[in-house]
Amino acid sequence: MQVENNQYNTSNDEIDLRELVRTLIRRKKTILLVASLVLLASIAYAFLATPVYKAKASFLPPTKGEIAPLKIPTGSADADADADAVTKIYAEFEKNLNSVRLRRQIFEQMNLLSIYAKKADASTNSEAVFNEFNTDLSIEKPVAKKNEIVIPAIHLVLTGKDPQLLAQVLNQISDLVRTNTTQEVIAGVIEEVVFRKQQLNREINELRAKAERQKQDEITKLQEVDKVEKNKTIDQINTLRASAKTRRIDHIRALEEAAKVAESIGLAEKSSLLESAQANDKAAFYTEVNTQAQPLYLRGYKALRSEIKELEERKSDDPFIPGLRDLQDKLDLLSTNHQVEALLARSSNDPFTENLRNKESELAVLEAFKIDPTKVSVATLDQAAYPPEKREKPKRLLIVVLGAGGGLFLGIIAAFMANFWQSLRLEDEGTA
């Protein structure tokens, strides 16, 4: 029983397939008509549609030599820093490539409104036209695959209908972006240099002020030391003088007493006993015999009164004070400090200021630092934009092939639909 069912199904499949083929053959004119119409329409579209072209300008990162004029001479000479500078400048260039402001500037300079909107007037929405132009602009960057090193190229792409205009617009944008980026980068470097110069000037002024304060401190210290030493020496001199005066007064009193004794005994001249005593003193000096000092009155009251008069009339004890002249010489020396005079006479502290000359040298280098914009390149123009010769779209062959395939498919659908409607109509007539 199952074998019979399988044979029946196979027979139905063969009948259906045969019926389909018969239907296609019977409706071949419909299929050919529809396929021909679709193919002709695709051919007409492929050849009559306005061609769209694609222009491209390519850029590469700048070399280290192209950004060398931007390097501040007082900065660090590090290879990694140079590589970072190249990356940052190239990123700034890419940012400006995407700048709507710069694109709008080119749009207005080249009067692209009249080109994109041929019937432009006062009522034309220029913003919408610019957005259309901006949409046609794009940036293409190569995508790195796994374990693949990709050259960091940037492609600025513009699509449109006029090949010449596309190339002109791209080249204008390229020039403007490179010029604008160069100016921005140079302005940034100059601002950095100006800031560093201001900082150096502040540091130099502070070093000079610090040196002046140190000089004044040194002068104050020296003067303080001199003052203390002078006061000490003056005190020593006054002490010696007071001591000498006291000893002189004491000696006068001793002489007065001795004179009274001599007068009381009527001894006017030096006594012979004194001469023998002096002889004994000399002998005792050589024989180391201890002897006592002889009484003053033995000198006689005339000699004593004469010495008393001289001592009382003495105006100054200075010549009789041991060491006094040395102290006075020392005081004279302290009255003039040549080191203080040299510090006061110093017109500039610069030669004595540590690290000042290094900062002045750095400042002089920065003052002489100039950037020539013509020697700076923020990106390497790998290839300028040229008018494209091949259109980007429509792709005629693809459109014709798709039109032929689609027309054949639609023709088959149309054949089945026609056959289906005919079957329905025959059934309605048979029923009637």
Protein backbone atom coordinates (compact mmCIF):
# COMPACT_ATOMS: atom_id res chain seq x y z
CA MET A 1 0.00 0.00 0.00
CA GLN A 2 2.90 2.41 0.86
CA VAL A 3 4.62 1.65 -2.45
CA GLU A 4 1.48 2.59 -4.32
CA ASN A 5 1.29 5.94 -2.48
CA ASN A 6 4.92 6.73 -3.32
CA GLN A 7 4.27 5.95 -6.96
CA TYR A 8 1.21 8.17 -6.88
CA ASN A 9 3.13 11.10 -5.37
CA THR A 10 5.93 10.71 -7.87
CA SER A 11 3.39 10.71 -10.66
CA ASN A 12 1.80 13.92 -9.30
CA ASP A 13 5.23 15.62 -9.05
CA GLU A 14 6.00 14.71 -12.63
CA ILE A 15 2.62 15.98 -13.73
CA ASP A 16 3.09 19.27 -11.81
CA LEU A 17 6.58 19.80 -13.22
CA ARG A 18 5.39 19.04 -16.69
CA GLU A 19 2.49 21.40 -16.19
CA LEU A 20 4.85 24.17 -15.05
CA VAL A 21 7.09 23.70 -18.07
CA ARG A 22 4.04 23.66 -20.37
CA THR A 23 2.80 26.85 -18.72
CA LEU A 24 6.17 28.60 -19.21
CA ILE A 25 6.34 27.49 -22.82
CA ARG A 26 2.76 28.50 -23.43
CA ARG A 27 3.39 31.91 -21.85
CA LYS A 28 6.82 32.47 -23.34
CA LYS A 29 5.69 35.63 -25.12
CA THR A 30 4.62 37.14 -21.80
CA ILE A 31 7.94 36.19 -20.22
CA LEU A 32 9.94 37.60 -23.11
CA LEU A 33 7.84 40.76 -23.19
CA VAL A 34 8.24 41.49 -19.48
CA ALA A 35 11.94 40.55 -19.47
CA SER A 36 12.56 42.73 -22.53
CA LEU A 37 10.76 45.71 -21.00
CA VAL A 38 12.70 45.43 -17.72
CA LEU A 39 15.99 44.95 -19.58
CA LEU A 40 15.31 47.95 -21.79
CA ALA A 41 14.41 50.01 -18.73
CA SER A 42 17.64 49.00 -16.98
CA ILE A 43 19.67 49.75 -20.11
CA ALA A 44 17.98 53.12 -20.44
CA TYR A 45 18.66 53.91 -16.78
CA ALA A 46 22.28 52.73 -17.03
CA PHE A 47 22.99 54.98 -20.00
CA LEU A 48 20.71 57.90 -19.22
CA ALA A 49 21.34 58.25 -15.45
CA THR A 50 23.65 61.11 -14.52
CA PRO A 51 27.11 59.67 -13.77
CA VAL A 52 28.56 60.24 -10.32
CA TYR A 53 32.34 60.53 -9.94
CA LYS A 54 34.61 60.12 -6.94
CA ALA A 55 37.77 62.19 -6.42
CA LYS A 56 40.32 61.55 -3.71
CA ALA A 57 43.28 63.36 -2.10
CA SER A 58 45.69 61.31 0.03
CA PHE A 59 47.81 62.41 2.97
CA LEU A 60 50.54 60.87 5.12
CA PRO A 61 52.02 62.01 8.46
CA PRO A 62 54.73 64.67 8.30
CA THR A 63 58.36 63.65 8.63
CA LYS A 64 60.45 64.72 11.62
CA GLY A 65 62.32 67.09 9.33
CA GLU A 66 59.09 68.77 8.23
CA ILE A 67 58.15 69.61 11.83
CA ALA A 68 61.73 70.30 13.00
CA PRO A 69 61.26 74.12 12.79
CA LEU A 70 58.48 73.78 15.38
CA LYS A 71 60.81 72.27 17.97
CA ILE A 72 61.68 74.69 20.75
CA PRO A 73 65.50 74.73 20.95
CA THR A 74 65.54 74.65 24.75
CA GLY A 75 63.34 71.55 24.88
CA SER A 76 64.39 67.94 25.38
CA ALA A 77 66.01 66.04 22.52
CA ASP A 78 64.03 62.81 22.88
CA ALA A 79 63.14 60.52 19.97
CA ASP A 80 59.89 59.49 21.68
CA ALA A 81 58.97 63.16 22.15
CA ASP A 82 59.56 63.76 18.42
CA ALA A 83 57.32 60.82 17.54
CA ASP A 84 54.62 62.10 19.86
CA ALA A 85 54.88 65.54 18.25
CA VAL A 86 54.37 64.01 14.78
CA THR A 87 51.31 62.10 16.03
CA LYS A 88 49.77 65.15 17.71
CA ILE A 89 50.30 67.41 14.70
CA TYR A 90 48.89 64.80 12.32
CA ALA A 91 45.87 64.38 14.61
CA GLU A 92 45.37 68.16 14.55
CA PHE A 93 45.46 68.05 10.75
CA GLU A 94 42.87 65.26 10.68
CA LYS A 95 40.65 67.24 13.06
CA ASN A 96 40.73 70.22 10.71
CA LEU A 97 39.94 67.95 7.76
CA ASN A 98 36.67 67.22 9.55
CA SER A 99 36.12 70.88 10.40
CA VAL A 100 32.72 72.09 9.22
CA ARG A 101 33.94 75.67 9.52
CA LEU A 102 36.73 75.17 7.00
CA ARG A 103 34.46 73.24 4.65
CA ARG A 104 31.92 76.04 4.80
CA GLN A 105 34.69 78.54 4.05
CA ILE A 106 35.55 76.70 0.83
CA PHE A 107 31.85 76.33 0.03
CA GLU A 108 31.44 80.10 0.20
CA GLN A 109 34.75 81.00 -1.47
CA MET A 110 34.03 78.81 -4.50
CA ASN A 111 30.36 79.85 -4.62
CA LEU A 112 29.27 76.22 -4.61
CA LEU A 113 25.72 77.25 -3.76
CA SER A 114 25.12 78.25 -7.38
CA ILE A 115 26.56 74.92 -8.55
CA TYR A 116 24.70 72.62 -6.18
CA ALA A 117 21.48 74.64 -6.52
CA LYS A 118 21.43 75.88 -10.13
CA LYS A 119 18.29 77.95 -9.60
CA ALA A 120 19.45 79.42 -6.31
CA ASP A 121 17.80 82.64 -5.22
CA ALA A 122 17.08 84.50 -2.01
CA SER A 123 14.61 81.83 -0.91
CA THR A 124 17.08 78.97 -1.35
CA ASN A 125 17.97 77.20 1.87
CA SER A 126 21.75 77.54 1.74
CA GLU A 127 22.16 75.47 4.90
CA ALA A 128 20.43 72.49 3.30
CA VAL A 129 22.58 72.85 0.17
CA PHE A 130 25.74 73.01 2.29
CA ASN A 131 24.65 69.91 4.22
CA GLU A 132 24.25 68.10 0.91
CA PHE A 133 27.78 69.18 -0.06
CA ASN A 134 29.14 68.20 3.35
CA THR A 135 27.49 64.78 3.06
CA ASP A 136 29.34 64.17 -0.20
CA LEU A 137 32.64 64.81 1.63
CA SER A 138 34.07 61.95 3.65
CA ILE A 139 37.34 60.75 5.14
CA GLU A 140 38.61 57.25 4.54
CA LYS A 141 41.27 55.61 6.68
CA PRO A 142 42.73 52.13 6.18
CA VAL A 143 41.54 49.62 8.75
CA ALA A 144 44.22 47.42 10.23
CA LYS A 145 43.65 43.71 10.25
CA LYS A 146 45.01 41.46 12.95
CA ASN A 147 48.82 41.49 13.10
CA GLU A 148 48.96 43.88 10.16
CA ILE A 149 50.88 47.13 10.06
CA VAL A 150 48.90 49.83 8.27
CA ILE A 151 50.35 53.06 6.91
CA PRO A 152 48.46 55.88 8.69
CA ALA A 153 47.15 57.38 5.48
CA ILE A 154 44.12 59.66 5.32
CA HIS A 155 42.01 60.00 2.17
CA LEU A 156 39.70 62.95 1.68
CA VAL A 157 36.94 61.85 -0.71
CA LEU A 158 34.33 63.91 -2.55
CA THR A 159 31.60 62.52 -4.80
CA GLY A 160 29.75 64.55 -7.42
CA LYS A 161 28.83 64.99 -11.05
CA ASP A 162 31.61 67.31 -12.25
CA PRO A 163 35.09 65.66 -12.22
CA GLN A 164 36.96 68.95 -12.67
CA LEU A 165 35.04 70.63 -9.87
CA LEU A 166 35.59 67.69 -7.53
CA ALA A 167 39.37 67.92 -7.95
CA GLN A 168 39.36 71.69 -7.53
CA VAL A 169 37.28 71.54 -4.36
CA LEU A 170 39.44 68.81 -2.80
CA ASN A 171 42.67 70.64 -3.60
CA GLN A 172 41.25 73.88 -2.20
CA ILE A 173 40.20 72.12 1.01
CA SER A 174 43.60 70.41 1.21
CA ASP A 175 45.48 73.70 0.90
CA LEU A 176 43.22 75.51 3.35
CA VAL A 177 43.38 72.76 5.98
CA ARG A 178 47.14 72.45 5.76
CA THR A 179 47.59 76.24 5.93
CA ASN A 180 45.13 76.60 8.80
CA THR A 181 46.66 73.70 10.74
CA THR A 182 50.15 75.09 10.20
CA GLN A 183 49.07 78.47 11.54
CA GLU A 184 47.38 76.89 14.56
CA VAL A 185 50.40 74.72 15.36
CA ILE A 186 52.82 77.64 14.96
CA ALA A 187 50.57 79.83 17.12
CA GLY A 188 50.57 77.11 19.79
CA VAL A 189 54.37 76.86 19.74
CA ILE A 190 54.72 80.65 19.88
CA GLU A 191 52.33 80.81 22.85
CA GLU A 192 54.41 78.16 24.58
CA VAL A 193 57.61 80.11 23.86
CA VAL A 194 56.05 83.37 25.10
CA PHE A 195 54.91 81.65 28.30
CA ARG A 196 58.39 80.18 28.82
CA LYS A 197 60.00 83.59 28.25
CA GLN A 198 57.68 85.19 30.78
CA GLN A 199 58.49 82.42 33.22
CA LEU A 200 62.23 82.89 32.66
CA ASN A 201 61.93 86.66 33.17
CA ARG A 202 60.11 86.05 36.45
CA GLU A 203 62.75 83.55 37.54
CA ILE A 204 65.60 85.91 36.56
CA ASN A 205 64.01 88.81 38.44
CA GLU A 206 63.50 86.60 41.46
CA LEU A 207 67.12 85.41 41.34
CA ARG A 208 68.31 89.02 41.18
CA ALA A 209 66.02 90.06 44.02
CA LYS A 210 67.19 87.08 46.04
CA ALA A 211 70.84 87.97 45.36
CA GLU A 212 70.20 91.56 46.46
CA ARG A 213 68.54 90.35 49.64
CA GLN A 214 71.45 88.03 50.31
CA LYS A 215 73.91 90.89 49.75
CA GLN A 216 72.03 93.12 52.17
CA ASP A 217 71.90 90.28 54.68
CA GLU A 218 75.65 89.77 54.33
CA ILE A 219 76.29 93.47 54.82
CA THR A 220 74.06 93.49 57.90
CA LYS A 221 75.83 90.46 59.34
CA LEU A 222 79.30 91.95 58.75
CA GLN A 223 78.28 95.30 60.19
CA GLU A 224 76.74 93.55 63.19
CA VAL A 225 79.92 91.56 63.80
CA ASP A 226 82.04 94.73 63.43
CA LYS A 227 79.78 96.61 65.78
CA VAL A 228 80.04 93.95 68.45
CA GLU A 229 83.82 93.76 68.07
CA LYS A 230 84.17 97.56 68.13
CA ASN A 231 82.07 97.83 71.28
CA LYS A 232 84.15 95.08 72.85
CA THR A 233 87.39 96.85 71.95
CA ILE A 234 86.07 100.22 73.19
CA ASP A 235 85.11 98.56 76.48
CA GLN A 236 88.60 97.10 76.77
CA ILE A 237 90.18 100.52 76.09
CA ASN A 238 87.91 102.24 78.62
CA THR A 239 88.67 99.57 81.18
CA LEU A 240 92.43 99.95 80.67
CA ARG A 241 92.18 103.72 80.94
CA ALA A 242 90.06 103.59 84.09
CA SER A 243 92.41 101.04 85.59
CA ALA A 244 95.45 103.17 84.70
CA LYS A 245 93.85 106.25 86.24
CA THR A 246 93.05 104.37 89.43
CA ARG A 247 96.58 103.03 89.67
CA ARG A 248 97.97 106.57 89.07
CA ILE A 249 95.78 108.02 91.81
CA ASP A 250 96.79 105.22 94.18
CA HIS A 251 100.46 105.82 93.36
CA ILE A 252 100.06 109.57 93.98
CA ARG A 253 98.63 108.86 97.42
CA ALA A 254 101.44 106.47 98.20
CA LEU A 255 103.97 109.11 97.11
CA GLU A 256 102.24 111.77 99.22
CA GLU A 257 102.45 109.63 102.31
CA ALA A 258 106.09 108.88 101.59
CA ALA A 259 106.77 112.63 101.07
CA LYS A 260 105.18 113.44 104.44
CA VAL A 261 107.36 110.82 106.10
CA ALA A 262 110.49 112.22 104.42
CA GLU A 263 109.51 115.76 105.47
CA SER A 264 108.91 114.63 109.03
CA ILE A 265 112.40 113.19 109.27
CA GLY A 266 113.94 116.07 107.30
CA LEU A 267 115.06 113.82 104.41
CA ALA A 268 115.19 116.16 101.40
CA GLU A 269 117.52 114.18 99.16
CA LYS A 270 117.86 110.52 98.42
CA SER A 271 119.23 108.63 101.40
CA SER A 272 122.50 106.63 101.27
CA LEU A 273 120.58 103.75 102.70
CA LEU A 274 118.56 103.61 99.49
CA GLU A 275 121.73 103.37 97.37
CA SER A 276 123.06 100.53 99.49
CA ALA A 277 119.69 98.87 99.33
CA GLN A 278 119.69 99.14 95.54
CA ALA A 279 123.17 97.59 95.47
CA ASN A 280 121.92 94.79 97.66
CA ASP A 281 118.94 94.32 95.27
CA LYS A 282 121.35 93.87 92.35
CA ALA A 283 123.40 91.37 94.29
CA ALA A 284 120.25 89.57 95.36
CA PHE A 285 119.16 89.37 91.71
CA TYR A 286 122.26 87.37 90.84
CA THR A 287 122.28 85.31 94.04
CA GLU A 288 118.47 84.77 93.96
CA VAL A 289 118.15 86.15 97.51
CA ASN A 290 114.64 87.43 98.33
CA THR A 291 114.69 91.05 99.40
CA GLN A 292 111.88 93.38 100.42
CA ALA A 293 111.03 96.64 98.56
CA GLN A 294 112.68 99.68 100.09
CA PRO A 295 110.48 102.44 101.57
CA LEU A 296 109.64 105.32 99.18
CA TYR A 297 110.46 108.05 101.71
CA LEU A 298 114.17 107.16 101.35
CA ARG A 299 114.03 108.91 97.96
CA GLY A 300 113.59 112.24 99.75
CA TYR A 301 110.61 114.51 99.78
CA LYS A 302 111.92 116.72 96.93
CA ALA A 303 111.96 113.87 94.44
CA LEU A 304 108.66 112.60 95.75
CA ARG A 305 106.97 116.02 95.47
CA SER A 306 108.33 116.42 91.95
CA GLU A 307 106.90 113.00 90.88
CA ILE A 308 103.57 113.79 92.54
CA LYS A 309 103.36 117.04 90.57
CA GLU A 310 104.09 115.26 87.30
CA LEU A 311 101.52 112.57 87.99
CA GLU A 312 98.84 115.13 88.88
CA GLU A 313 99.53 117.22 85.79
CA ARG A 314 99.46 114.20 83.46
CA LYS A 315 96.70 114.77 80.90
CA SER A 316 96.53 111.20 79.60
CA ASP A 317 97.61 107.84 80.84
CA ASP A 318 97.45 106.30 77.32
CA PRO A 319 101.22 106.31 76.65
CA PHE A 320 101.74 104.39 79.91
CA ILE A 321 99.07 101.72 79.35
CA PRO A 322 100.52 98.45 77.97
CA GLY A 323 98.56 97.07 74.96
CA LEU A 324 96.43 100.19 74.58
CA ARG A 325 97.87 101.17 71.20
CA ASP A 326 97.24 97.70 69.86
CA LEU A 327 93.61 97.97 70.86
CA GLN A 328 93.38 101.44 69.27
CA ASP A 329 94.87 100.07 66.04
CA LYS A 330 92.35 97.27 66.13
CA LEU A 331 89.55 99.82 66.62
CA ASP A 332 90.79 101.79 63.62
CA LEU A 333 90.73 98.65 61.51
CA LEU A 334 87.19 97.86 62.63
CA SER A 335 86.03 101.33 61.61
CA THR A 336 86.62 100.37 57.97
CA ASN A 337 85.39 96.98 56.66
CA HIS A 338 86.64 96.51 53.11
CA GLN A 339 84.29 93.59 52.53
CA VAL A 340 81.30 95.76 53.42
CA GLU A 341 82.61 98.56 51.22
CA ALA A 342 83.04 96.13 48.35
CA LEU A 343 79.47 94.85 48.79
CA LEU A 344 78.11 98.40 48.95
CA ALA A 345 80.07 99.40 45.86
CA ARG A 346 78.88 96.36 43.88
CA SER A 347 76.77 97.64 40.97
CA SER A 348 75.44 94.23 39.94
CA ASN A 349 75.00 90.91 41.68
CA ASP A 350 74.68 88.98 38.39
CA PRO A 351 78.25 87.55 38.37
CA PHE A 352 77.65 86.18 41.86
CA THR A 353 74.15 84.77 41.24
CA GLU A 354 74.09 81.03 40.74
CA ASN A 355 72.18 79.67 37.70
CA LEU A 356 71.39 83.20 36.46
CA ARG A 357 73.56 82.97 33.36
CA ASN A 358 71.97 79.66 32.34
CA LYS A 359 68.52 81.20 32.46
CA GLU A 360 69.70 84.29 30.59
CA SER A 361 71.19 82.05 27.89
CA GLU A 362 67.95 80.12 27.59
CA LEU A 363 66.01 83.39 27.37
CA ALA A 364 68.35 84.68 24.66
CA VAL A 365 67.83 81.48 22.65
CA LEU A 366 64.05 81.83 22.94
CA GLU A 367 64.22 85.51 21.97
CA ALA A 368 66.04 84.54 18.77
CA PHE A 369 63.67 81.64 18.04
CA LYS A 370 61.67 82.19 14.84
CA ILE A 371 59.48 79.86 12.79
CA ASP A 372 59.39 80.01 9.01
CA PRO A 373 55.91 78.76 7.97
CA THR A 374 57.21 77.85 4.52
CA LYS A 375 59.49 75.23 6.07
CA VAL A 376 56.76 73.59 8.16
CA SER A 377 54.47 70.83 6.92
CA VAL A 378 51.76 69.36 9.13
CA ALA A 379 50.98 66.57 6.66
CA THR A 380 52.59 65.09 3.57
CA LEU A 381 50.43 65.38 0.47
CA ASP A 382 50.83 61.87 -0.85
CA GLN A 383 48.65 62.53 -3.89
CA ALA A 384 46.72 65.59 -4.93
CA ALA A 385 43.18 65.26 -6.25
CA TYR A 386 42.84 64.72 -10.00
CA PRO A 387 39.65 64.74 -12.10
CA PRO A 388 38.44 61.13 -12.06
CA GLU A 389 38.12 59.49 -15.46
CA LYS A 390 35.98 56.56 -14.36
CA ARG A 391 32.54 57.11 -12.95
CA GLU A 392 31.73 55.76 -9.51
CA LYS A 393 28.10 55.08 -10.45
CA PRO A 394 25.95 54.01 -12.16
CA LYS A 395 27.72 50.72 -12.83
CA ARG A 396 26.21 50.00 -16.22
CA LEU A 397 27.17 46.35 -16.64
CA LEU A 398 25.90 45.46 -13.19
CA ILE A 399 22.64 47.33 -13.80
CA VAL A 400 22.10 45.55 -17.16
CA VAL A 401 22.90 42.14 -15.67
CA LEU A 402 20.58 42.76 -12.74
CA GLY A 403 17.92 44.10 -15.17
CA ALA A 404 18.15 40.97 -17.30
CA GLY A 405 17.92 38.64 -14.30
CA GLY A 406 15.17 40.67 -12.68
CA GLY A 407 13.23 40.93 -15.96
CA LEU A 408 13.36 37.19 -16.47
CA PHE A 409 12.15 36.60 -12.92
CA LEU A 410 9.33 39.12 -13.30
CA GLY A 411 8.42 37.59 -16.65
CA ILE A 412 8.07 34.15 -15.08
CA ILE A 413 5.95 35.62 -12.27
CA ALA A 414 3.81 37.41 -14.87
CA ALA A 415 3.39 34.14 -16.83
CA PHE A 416 2.19 32.26 -13.76
CA MET A 417 -0.15 35.09 -12.82
CA ALA A 418 -1.64 35.18 -16.33
CA ASN A 419 -2.11 31.40 -16.28
CA PHE A 420 -3.68 31.60 -12.83
CA TRP A 421 -6.20 34.26 -13.89
CA GLN A 422 -7.04 32.30 -17.02
CA SER A 423 -7.73 29.15 -14.94
CA LEU A 424 -10.02 31.11 -12.65
CA ARG A 425 -11.93 32.56 -15.58
CA LEU A 426 -12.40 29.09 -17.16
CA GLU A 427 -13.66 27.71 -13.86
CA ASP A 428 -16.16 30.57 -13.57
CA GLU A 429 -17.41 29.94 -17.13
CA GLY A 430 -17.73 26.16 -16.49
CA THR A 431 -19.68 26.81 -13.35
CA ALA A 432 -21.98 29.16 -15.16
